[in-house]
Protein backbone atom coordinates (compact mmCIF):
# COMPACT_ATOMS: atom_id res chain seq x y z
CA MET A 1 36.00 215.06 127.67
CA GLU A 2 36.30 212.63 130.56
CA THR A 3 39.60 210.94 131.22
CA ILE A 4 39.70 207.85 133.42
CA LEU A 5 42.31 208.33 136.15
CA TYR A 6 41.53 205.19 138.13
CA LYS A 7 39.27 202.18 137.67
CA LYS A 8 39.32 199.01 139.70
CA THR A 9 36.85 196.24 140.37
CA GLN A 10 36.98 194.50 143.74
CA PHE A 11 35.49 191.04 144.23
CA ASN A 12 34.14 189.25 147.27
CA ILE A 13 34.76 185.56 146.69
CA LEU A 14 33.52 184.66 150.19
CA ILE A 15 29.92 185.38 149.23
CA TRP A 16 30.17 182.78 146.45
CA VAL A 17 32.03 180.26 148.66
CA ILE A 18 29.16 180.41 151.15
CA SER A 19 26.32 180.60 148.63
CA VAL A 20 27.29 177.83 146.20
CA PRO A 21 26.93 175.01 148.77
CA VAL A 22 23.62 176.53 149.91
CA CYS A 23 22.45 176.60 146.28
CA VAL A 24 23.46 172.97 145.76
CA VAL A 25 21.52 171.95 148.88
CA LEU A 26 18.48 173.94 147.72
CA VAL A 27 18.51 172.26 144.30
CA PHE A 28 18.91 168.85 145.92
CA LEU A 29 16.04 169.50 148.36
CA SER A 30 13.83 170.78 145.53
CA LEU A 31 14.44 167.63 143.50
CA LYS A 32 13.76 165.35 146.47
CA ALA A 33 10.78 167.22 147.92
CA ASN A 34 7.35 165.68 147.57
CA ASP A 35 5.73 169.02 148.34
CA LEU A 36 5.44 171.32 145.31
CA SER A 37 5.18 174.48 147.43
CA LEU A 38 8.48 173.61 149.18
CA SER A 39 10.16 173.06 145.82
CA ILE A 40 8.88 176.38 144.51
CA PHE A 41 10.03 178.16 147.69
CA ASN A 42 13.51 176.59 147.39
CA LEU A 43 13.83 177.58 143.74
CA VAL A 44 12.66 181.15 144.42
CA PHE A 45 15.16 181.43 147.27
CA LEU A 46 17.85 180.01 144.98
CA GLY A 47 17.09 182.66 142.37
CA PHE A 48 17.19 185.35 145.06
CA LEU A 49 20.62 184.16 146.25
CA ILE A 50 22.01 184.21 142.72
CA VAL A 51 20.73 187.75 142.08
CA VAL A 52 22.11 189.01 145.41
CA ASN A 53 25.49 187.45 144.60
CA LEU A 54 25.56 188.99 141.13
CA ILE A 55 24.80 192.42 142.56
CA PHE A 56 26.89 192.51 145.74
CA SER A 57 29.95 190.38 144.99
CA ARG A 58 31.60 193.02 142.78
CA LEU A 59 32.25 196.72 143.37
CA THR A 60 33.78 198.98 140.73
CA ILE A 61 35.30 202.33 141.65
CA THR A 62 35.96 204.76 138.81
CA LEU A 63 37.68 208.12 139.10
CA THR A 64 37.68 210.47 136.12
CA ASN A 65 38.77 214.06 135.79
CA LYS A 66 35.11 215.04 136.37
CA LYS A 67 33.66 212.61 138.94
CA ILE A 68 34.15 209.66 141.25
CA GLU A 69 31.71 206.76 141.00
CA ALA A 70 31.11 203.45 142.76
CA THR A 71 28.79 200.78 141.36
CA PHE A 72 27.81 197.35 142.56
CA GLY A 73 27.78 194.33 140.21
CA LEU A 74 25.00 194.88 137.71
CA ARG A 75 25.12 198.70 138.16
CA ILE A 76 21.77 198.70 139.96
CA PHE A 77 23.20 200.53 142.98
CA LYS A 78 25.45 203.46 142.21
CA GLN A 79 26.79 206.51 143.96
CA GLN A 80 28.76 209.30 142.39
CA MET A 81 30.05 212.75 143.14
CA ASP A 82 31.28 215.50 140.86
CA LEU A 83 34.87 216.54 141.56
CA GLU A 84 34.00 220.22 141.23
CA SER A 85 31.93 219.98 144.43
CA ILE A 86 34.78 218.43 146.46
CA LYS A 87 37.36 220.23 148.56
CA PRO A 88 40.59 218.29 149.31
CA GLU A 89 40.13 218.73 153.07
CA ASN A 90 36.78 216.90 152.86
CA ILE A 91 38.41 213.65 151.69
CA GLU A 92 39.27 211.20 154.44
CA VAL A 93 40.56 207.65 154.55
CA PHE A 94 39.78 205.51 157.56
CA LYS A 95 38.85 202.01 158.61
CA PRO A 96 35.10 201.61 159.19
CA SER A 97 33.97 199.37 162.00
CA SER A 98 33.64 195.69 161.13
CA TRP A 99 30.20 195.89 162.71
CA TYR A 100 29.02 197.73 159.60
CA GLY A 101 29.41 194.51 157.59
CA ILE A 102 29.76 194.26 153.83
CA GLY A 103 27.41 195.23 151.03
CA LEU A 104 25.26 198.35 150.91
CA ARG A 105 25.08 199.61 154.49
CA LEU A 106 23.50 202.59 156.20
CA THR A 107 25.98 203.74 158.83
CA PRO A 108 26.22 206.75 161.15
CA LYS A 109 28.80 208.19 158.71
CA GLY A 110 26.65 207.69 155.58
CA LYS A 111 25.72 205.04 153.04
CA LEU A 112 28.68 202.64 152.76
CA PHE A 113 29.42 200.55 149.66
CA ASN A 114 31.94 197.76 150.29
CA VAL A 115 32.65 194.15 149.37
CA LYS A 116 35.28 193.41 151.99
CA PHE A 117 36.52 194.68 155.32
CA GLY A 118 39.31 197.21 155.39
CA LYS A 119 39.82 200.88 154.62
CA ALA A 120 37.33 203.23 153.03
CA ILE A 121 37.34 206.62 151.40
CA ARG A 122 34.76 209.10 152.61
CA ILE A 123 34.00 212.43 151.00
CA GLU A 124 31.52 214.78 152.55
CA THR A 125 30.05 217.89 150.96
CA PRO A 126 27.13 219.97 152.19
CA ASP A 127 24.86 218.15 149.71
CA LYS A 128 25.92 214.51 149.99
CA THR A 129 28.36 211.90 151.24
CA PHE A 130 30.40 209.46 149.14
CA PHE A 131 31.53 206.50 151.27
CA VAL A 132 33.20 203.47 149.62
CA GLY A 133 35.43 200.69 150.88
CA SER A 134 38.64 200.09 148.96
CA ASP A 135 41.97 198.43 149.57
CA GLU A 136 43.52 201.35 147.63
CA ALA A 137 41.77 204.20 149.46
CA GLU A 138 44.97 206.23 150.01
CA HIS A 139 45.88 205.95 146.32
CA ILE A 140 42.41 207.14 145.28
CA LYS A 141 42.65 210.06 147.71
CA ASP A 142 46.07 211.05 146.34
CA LEU A 143 44.80 210.91 142.75
CA MET A 144 41.75 212.99 143.64
CA ILE A 145 43.79 215.65 145.43
CA LYS A 146 46.21 215.82 142.52
CA GLU A 147 43.32 216.24 140.06
CA LEU A 148 41.59 218.84 142.25
CA ARG A 149 44.77 220.88 142.52
CA LYS A 150 45.34 220.60 138.78
CA SER A 151 41.83 221.88 138.06
CA ASP A 152 42.31 224.75 140.56
CA LEU A 153 45.37 225.88 138.61
CA SER A 154 43.48 225.95 135.31
């Protein structure tokens, strides 16, 4: 049976602050445009912006006694790792470069999931890498190490 040890959803309000005015302008331009193709383009772009915001403005990190998981907004993009494949020495907390940006990013250190700048937790095993930004990265690391040590004792 899985027990949830940690679950937190992080939000990126900035993406909405930037996108809402753009959406308002797109709707206004679509209503005023005499060209049907321009109106259709604006409305398609508006729909695209809304979908991107719904997906990438929210990141949920869940740690159970069996796995760690990170999912974006509508759970379309997800990464997870079983705790049994993790060694405590393979868990690191550091601050990724701001050049990596926010969202789903391919970086030299692996695929990064984040919704804001700051610290990240990175776990590397021979099979895969789990790399997620979190303002509570140290807390997640401590909980994982505690759970890994508990399962080693059993």
